[in-house]
Each structure stands twice: as structure tokens, then as C-alpha cells.
Amino acid sequence: MAGLARWKPFEEMLSLRERMDRLFDELWRDPFFSGWEVGRTWAPALDFSETKDDYIVRLEAPGVKQGDIEVTLQNNVLTIQGKRERSEEHKDETVHRVERVYGSFSRSLTIPSGVKVDDISATYKDGILEIRLPKSEESKPKKIELKSA
């Protein structure tokens, strides 16, 4: 049957998560809530993609020093933790609004099994952390040739 779309629950969950993140971001921008600094946390934006050979995680962390980021993998859960310090104080200025968020963050995501753990690499450039998780040969898709009967 042509025209029927295949249901993709994982994509729908990611879309819902993104909409909820935007909703809460807008909530904190509201002047009524903007003064509530206690317990305020931030979660850097994260992309998770895949190529034939690798899973790739990219995390946006501008203003975070490389030494303040820690990446761990345990039981197929990749965890990225870090902190962004408030870098400047202007003693002779009156601050009217603060929208930049500082402090600690932690992002975790479950990755598929079949990753070459010893070959994982991570780079940090221009505020973007990129983690490459190479697939093992067993986990890569294999093309099966059809033979005539």
C-alpha cells in the first residue's frame, strides 16, 4: 500500500522531548520566572546520529572549558558532565537581566550495543564536543545477496 507512513516511535519521543525543552526554555525567559536562580540548571543541546561505521554524539557547550568536561561510558550509557563558570563580574554595572545559564550539567543517553569501546574518540572545538563511537563489525549492517532458487 503506497502512501502509508511507518510509525517511528523513537523519532516521535525525540520530537516531544525537543518541544518540552523549548517550552521550559521559554518559561525561564518569562520575566516572572527569570529571577528564580535557585536550583536552576541547564542542559546543553545534544545531537545523536549514525553513519555506516560510527555513532556520533555532538553536544553544544559554548563557554565551557575543555578541562571542565568529563565523558564516561558504562553499561551502554554515555554520560557527559561538565560545568560552565560565570566568567565576568562587572562591579560598576547594574544588571537588569541574566539569561545565560551557569553551573553544572549532566546529559546521559543509552547507546546501542556493539561499540568498539577502546576506539571511542572525543574532540572539543569551538564549543562543540564531538564523540565518535565506532561500531564493531558484528553490529554493522550486512547486505545479504539474493540467490535465485
Foldseek 3Di string as FASTA:
>chain_A
DPPDDDDDVVVVVVVVVVVVVVVVLVVCVPPVNVVPQPPDDDAFDWDWDDDLWWIKIKTFAPQFDPVQWDWDADPQKIKIKGWHDDDDDDPPDDDDGDSDDTTMDMDIDGDDPQWPVVPWDWDADNRMIMIITTGHPVPGDDDDDDDDD
